[in-house]
Amino acid sequence: MKRRSRRELLTGTAGGIALLAGCIGDDPSDADDGTNDDGTTDGETSTDDDRESEDGADDDENEDTGADDGEETDDDGGGDGDEDGSPSIEDAAFTTTEPRSEPAATLLADREDADAWLAERDVDEEAETFLEETAFDEASLVALEARGPNLCYELGLESAALEAGAIRLEAVADDGDDADSCAQQEVTVGRLVRISDGSDPVGEGSATIVDRSGDAHEFDLGADE
């Protein structure tokens, strides 16, 4: 018998191992059957993914509906007052060179009253425009005045409100922090206050003015003042 060399034995053994490995790799049980790791076949979508997509779409629709509802609610708010139902309050400061002897508070009930008040005073353009833009059929207008010793003085509005169908105002004459650098001149400082709650104007109320000496002056506001 011919004895095989060691080289031939090793070569034959390696070939057998390679052949065996090829057979194992071709096992039909290991072939791709089209099933994904999540248990679904190719061409199918996971049920969980479908559920999440549908839930997301529903959330988007809900958000859109909420935004639309919010816009409709805002449109329902009305009147010239603020959205929370409080009155609209606007004011404008003025200074005239005709000094008053005492503080004054005047309710200007209509355009005729406003024109008569303006004709007796030399106010600046801002205050004049404020008067002209007032709609007296839906807003109340009050003129507050006090005397000031220099050009830095002003009449500041401390509070303004509509309470129980009446106007309540408080103003204080003050020179701020620049009194030493102001030109000394007796003037009248004032404040025009316009109040509206989106309904008919109010024809009564009260005002308090604190003058430059710190004394408080009370006024009743009304058609017969």
Protein backbone atom coordinates (compact mmCIF):
# COMPACT_ATOMS: atom_id res chain seq x y z
CA MET A 1 0.00 0.00 0.00
CA LYS A 2 1.21 3.48 -0.90
CA ARG A 3 1.75 5.54 2.24
CA ARG A 4 0.48 9.10 2.03
CA SER A 5 2.81 11.82 3.01
CA ARG A 6 1.98 14.18 5.86
CA ARG A 7 1.43 17.02 3.38
CA GLU A 8 -1.19 15.02 1.48
CA LEU A 9 -3.02 14.12 4.69
CA LEU A 10 -3.21 17.72 5.78
CA THR A 11 -4.42 18.84 2.35
CA GLY A 12 -7.21 16.25 2.27
CA THR A 13 -8.35 17.10 5.79
CA ALA A 14 -8.60 20.83 4.97
CA GLY A 15 -10.68 20.13 1.88
CA GLY A 16 -13.11 18.01 3.89
CA ILE A 17 -13.59 20.73 6.48
CA ALA A 18 -14.25 23.33 3.77
CA LEU A 19 -16.82 21.07 2.12
CA LEU A 20 -18.56 20.40 5.42
CA ALA A 21 -18.70 24.14 6.20
CA GLY A 22 -20.27 24.79 2.80
CA CYS A 23 -23.01 22.27 3.43
CA ILE A 24 -23.82 23.73 6.81
CA GLY A 25 -24.00 27.29 5.37
CA ASP A 26 -26.46 26.09 2.70
CA ASP A 27 -28.89 24.75 5.32
CA PRO A 28 -32.40 25.82 4.12
CA SER A 29 -33.47 26.46 7.71
CA ASP A 30 -31.10 29.47 7.86
CA ALA A 31 -32.43 31.09 4.67
CA ASP A 32 -34.12 34.53 4.89
CA ASP A 33 -37.86 33.90 4.99
CA GLY A 34 -38.73 37.63 4.65
CA THR A 35 -39.42 38.04 8.36
CA ASN A 36 -38.13 41.16 10.13
CA ASP A 37 -36.79 41.32 13.66
CA ASP A 38 -40.10 42.72 14.93
CA GLY A 39 -42.00 39.66 13.68
CA THR A 40 -43.52 41.24 10.60
CA THR A 41 -42.91 40.21 7.03
CA ASP A 42 -41.41 42.37 4.30
CA GLY A 43 -43.95 44.83 2.87
CA GLU A 44 -45.88 44.99 6.16
CA THR A 45 -45.82 47.80 8.74
CA SER A 46 -45.71 47.24 12.47
CA THR A 47 -49.08 47.56 14.20
CA ASP A 48 -47.46 49.66 16.95
CA ASP A 49 -46.10 52.06 14.32
CA ASP A 50 -49.56 52.34 12.80
CA ARG A 51 -51.04 53.09 16.20
CA GLU A 52 -48.43 55.76 16.94
CA SER A 53 -48.98 57.37 13.54
CA GLU A 54 -52.74 57.47 14.06
CA ASP A 55 -52.34 58.84 17.60
CA GLY A 56 -49.98 61.53 16.30
CA ALA A 57 -52.44 62.52 13.60
CA ASP A 58 -55.23 62.72 16.19
CA ASP A 59 -53.06 64.94 18.42
CA ASP A 60 -52.35 67.27 15.49
CA GLU A 61 -56.06 67.51 14.75
CA ASN A 62 -56.80 68.24 18.42
CA GLU A 63 -54.15 70.98 18.51
CA ASP A 64 -55.55 72.57 15.37
CA THR A 65 -59.04 72.46 16.83
CA GLY A 66 -57.83 74.07 20.06
CA ALA A 67 -56.14 76.91 18.19
CA ASP A 68 -59.29 77.54 16.16
CA ASP A 69 -61.39 77.55 19.32
CA GLY A 70 -59.01 80.05 20.92
CA GLU A 71 -59.24 82.40 17.98
CA GLU A 72 -63.02 82.28 18.09
CA THR A 73 -62.98 83.08 21.81
CA ASP A 74 -60.73 86.10 21.30
CA ASP A 75 -63.05 87.41 18.61
CA ASP A 76 -65.95 87.25 21.05
CA GLY A 77 -64.24 89.73 23.42
CA GLY A 78 -65.45 93.22 22.70
CA GLY A 79 -66.02 96.80 23.63
CA ASP A 80 -63.53 99.59 23.95
CA GLY A 81 -62.52 98.34 27.39
CA ASP A 82 -59.79 95.80 28.08
CA GLU A 83 -60.33 92.08 27.42
CA ASP A 84 -60.84 91.35 31.12
CA GLY A 85 -63.80 93.77 31.26
CA SER A 86 -61.97 96.65 32.98
CA PRO A 87 -62.42 100.15 31.51
CA SER A 88 -60.04 101.66 28.99
CA ILE A 89 -58.17 104.60 30.56
CA GLU A 90 -56.01 107.02 28.56
CA ASP A 91 -54.44 110.31 29.60
CA ALA A 92 -52.34 113.17 28.29
CA ALA A 93 -50.30 115.73 30.23
CA PHE A 94 -50.20 119.44 29.44
CA THR A 95 -48.67 122.67 30.77
CA THR A 96 -49.92 126.22 30.24
CA THR A 97 -48.32 129.55 31.13
CA GLU A 98 -51.53 130.87 32.69
CA PRO A 99 -51.17 129.91 36.38
CA ARG A 100 -54.31 128.94 38.26
CA SER A 101 -54.87 130.16 41.77
CA GLU A 102 -56.37 126.83 42.90
CA PRO A 103 -56.50 123.24 41.59
CA ALA A 104 -59.52 122.34 39.45
CA ALA A 105 -61.24 119.22 38.09
CA THR A 106 -63.73 119.56 35.23
CA LEU A 107 -65.88 116.91 33.58
CA LEU A 108 -66.15 117.70 29.86
CA ALA A 109 -69.46 116.12 28.93
CA ASP A 110 -69.53 116.82 25.19
CA ARG A 111 -67.72 118.45 22.28
CA GLU A 112 -69.13 121.88 23.14
CA ASP A 113 -67.70 121.69 26.67
CA ALA A 114 -64.34 120.55 25.32
CA ASP A 115 -64.14 123.38 22.80
CA ALA A 116 -65.06 125.98 25.43
CA TRP A 117 -62.44 124.62 27.84
CA LEU A 118 -59.79 124.60 25.10
CA ALA A 119 -60.56 128.15 23.97
CA GLU A 120 -59.50 129.47 27.39
CA ARG A 121 -56.17 127.62 27.50
CA ASP A 122 -53.03 127.49 25.43
CA VAL A 123 -52.21 123.77 25.51
CA ASP A 124 -49.70 121.90 23.38
CA GLU A 125 -50.53 119.99 20.21
CA GLU A 126 -50.60 116.59 21.93
CA ALA A 127 -53.30 117.66 24.40
CA GLU A 128 -55.28 119.39 21.66
CA THR A 129 -55.20 116.23 19.51
CA PHE A 130 -56.25 114.16 22.52
CA LEU A 131 -59.34 116.36 22.92
CA GLU A 132 -60.21 116.26 19.23
CA GLU A 133 -59.98 112.44 19.09
CA THR A 134 -62.32 111.88 22.03
CA ALA A 135 -65.65 110.27 21.07
CA PHE A 136 -68.02 111.82 23.62
CA ASP A 137 -70.87 109.45 22.79
CA GLU A 138 -68.95 106.55 24.39
CA ALA A 139 -66.17 108.05 26.54
CA SER A 140 -65.95 110.39 29.54
CA LEU A 141 -63.31 113.11 29.66
CA VAL A 142 -62.01 114.90 32.76
CA ALA A 143 -59.53 117.81 32.89
CA LEU A 144 -57.38 118.04 36.04
CA GLU A 145 -55.30 121.16 36.81
CA ALA A 146 -52.98 122.46 39.53
CA ARG A 147 -50.38 125.20 39.95
CA GLY A 148 -46.67 124.55 39.60
CA PRO A 149 -43.69 126.80 40.54
CA ASN A 150 -41.36 125.71 37.72
CA LEU A 151 -41.29 124.11 34.30
CA CYS A 152 -40.39 120.67 35.67
CA TYR A 153 -43.65 120.31 37.55
CA GLU A 154 -46.32 117.99 36.26
CA LEU A 155 -49.64 116.62 37.45
CA GLY A 156 -49.24 112.85 37.69
CA LEU A 157 -52.23 110.51 37.56
CA GLU A 158 -52.04 108.27 40.64
CA SER A 159 -55.26 106.28 40.11
CA ALA A 160 -58.26 106.16 37.78
CA ALA A 161 -61.25 103.83 37.89
CA LEU A 162 -64.95 103.39 37.24
CA GLU A 163 -66.69 102.31 40.44
CA ALA A 164 -70.43 101.74 40.73
CA GLY A 165 -71.06 103.82 37.62
CA ALA A 166 -68.92 106.76 38.77
CA ILE A 167 -65.44 108.02 37.89
CA ARG A 168 -62.77 108.01 40.63
CA LEU A 169 -59.57 109.96 39.99
CA GLU A 170 -56.53 110.97 42.03
CA ALA A 171 -53.65 113.16 40.84
CA VAL A 172 -50.57 114.64 42.51
CA ALA A 173 -48.52 117.70 41.51
CA ASP A 174 -44.80 116.92 41.69
CA ASP A 175 -41.51 118.20 40.31
CA GLY A 176 -39.61 114.91 40.14
CA ASP A 177 -35.87 114.96 40.85
CA ASP A 178 -34.80 117.88 38.63
CA ALA A 179 -36.18 120.85 40.56
CA ASP A 180 -32.78 122.50 41.06
CA SER A 181 -32.10 122.66 37.31
CA CYS A 182 -35.55 123.87 36.27
CA ALA A 183 -36.45 127.37 35.18
CA GLN A 184 -38.52 129.05 37.88
CA GLN A 185 -41.87 130.08 36.42
CA GLU A 186 -45.40 129.86 37.74
CA VAL A 187 -47.40 127.61 35.43
CA THR A 188 -50.48 125.41 35.37
CA VAL A 189 -49.83 121.71 35.05
CA GLY A 190 -52.65 119.42 34.03
CA ARG A 191 -53.80 116.01 32.91
CA LEU A 192 -56.61 115.04 30.55
CA VAL A 193 -58.15 111.67 31.46
CA ARG A 194 -60.39 109.69 29.11
CA ILE A 195 -62.33 106.69 30.44
CA SER A 196 -64.50 104.26 28.47
CA ASP A 197 -65.98 100.84 29.18
CA GLY A 198 -67.49 100.40 25.73
CA SER A 199 -70.93 101.68 26.74
CA ASP A 200 -72.46 105.10 27.40
CA PRO A 201 -70.21 107.77 28.97
CA VAL A 202 -70.33 108.30 32.73
CA GLY A 203 -71.62 111.68 33.90
CA GLU A 204 -70.62 111.71 37.56
CA GLY A 205 -67.78 110.90 39.92
CA SER A 206 -65.09 112.45 42.08
CA ALA A 207 -61.49 113.61 41.82
CA THR A 208 -58.75 114.30 44.33
CA ILE A 209 -55.83 116.59 43.52
CA VAL A 210 -52.83 116.92 45.83
CA ASP A 211 -51.18 120.28 45.22
CA ARG A 212 -47.50 121.22 45.44
CA SER A 213 -47.82 121.90 49.18
CA GLY A 214 -49.22 118.42 49.82
CA ASP A 215 -52.77 119.60 50.49
CA ALA A 216 -55.59 117.43 49.09
CA HIS A 217 -58.49 119.03 47.20
CA GLU A 218 -61.72 117.09 46.66
CA PHE A 219 -64.05 117.64 43.68
CA ASP A 220 -67.45 116.30 42.70
CA LEU A 221 -67.73 115.60 38.98
CA GLY A 222 -71.10 116.09 37.34
CA ALA A 223 -73.13 118.06 34.84
CA ASP A 224 -73.92 120.79 37.39
CA GLU A 225 -70.39 121.25 38.77
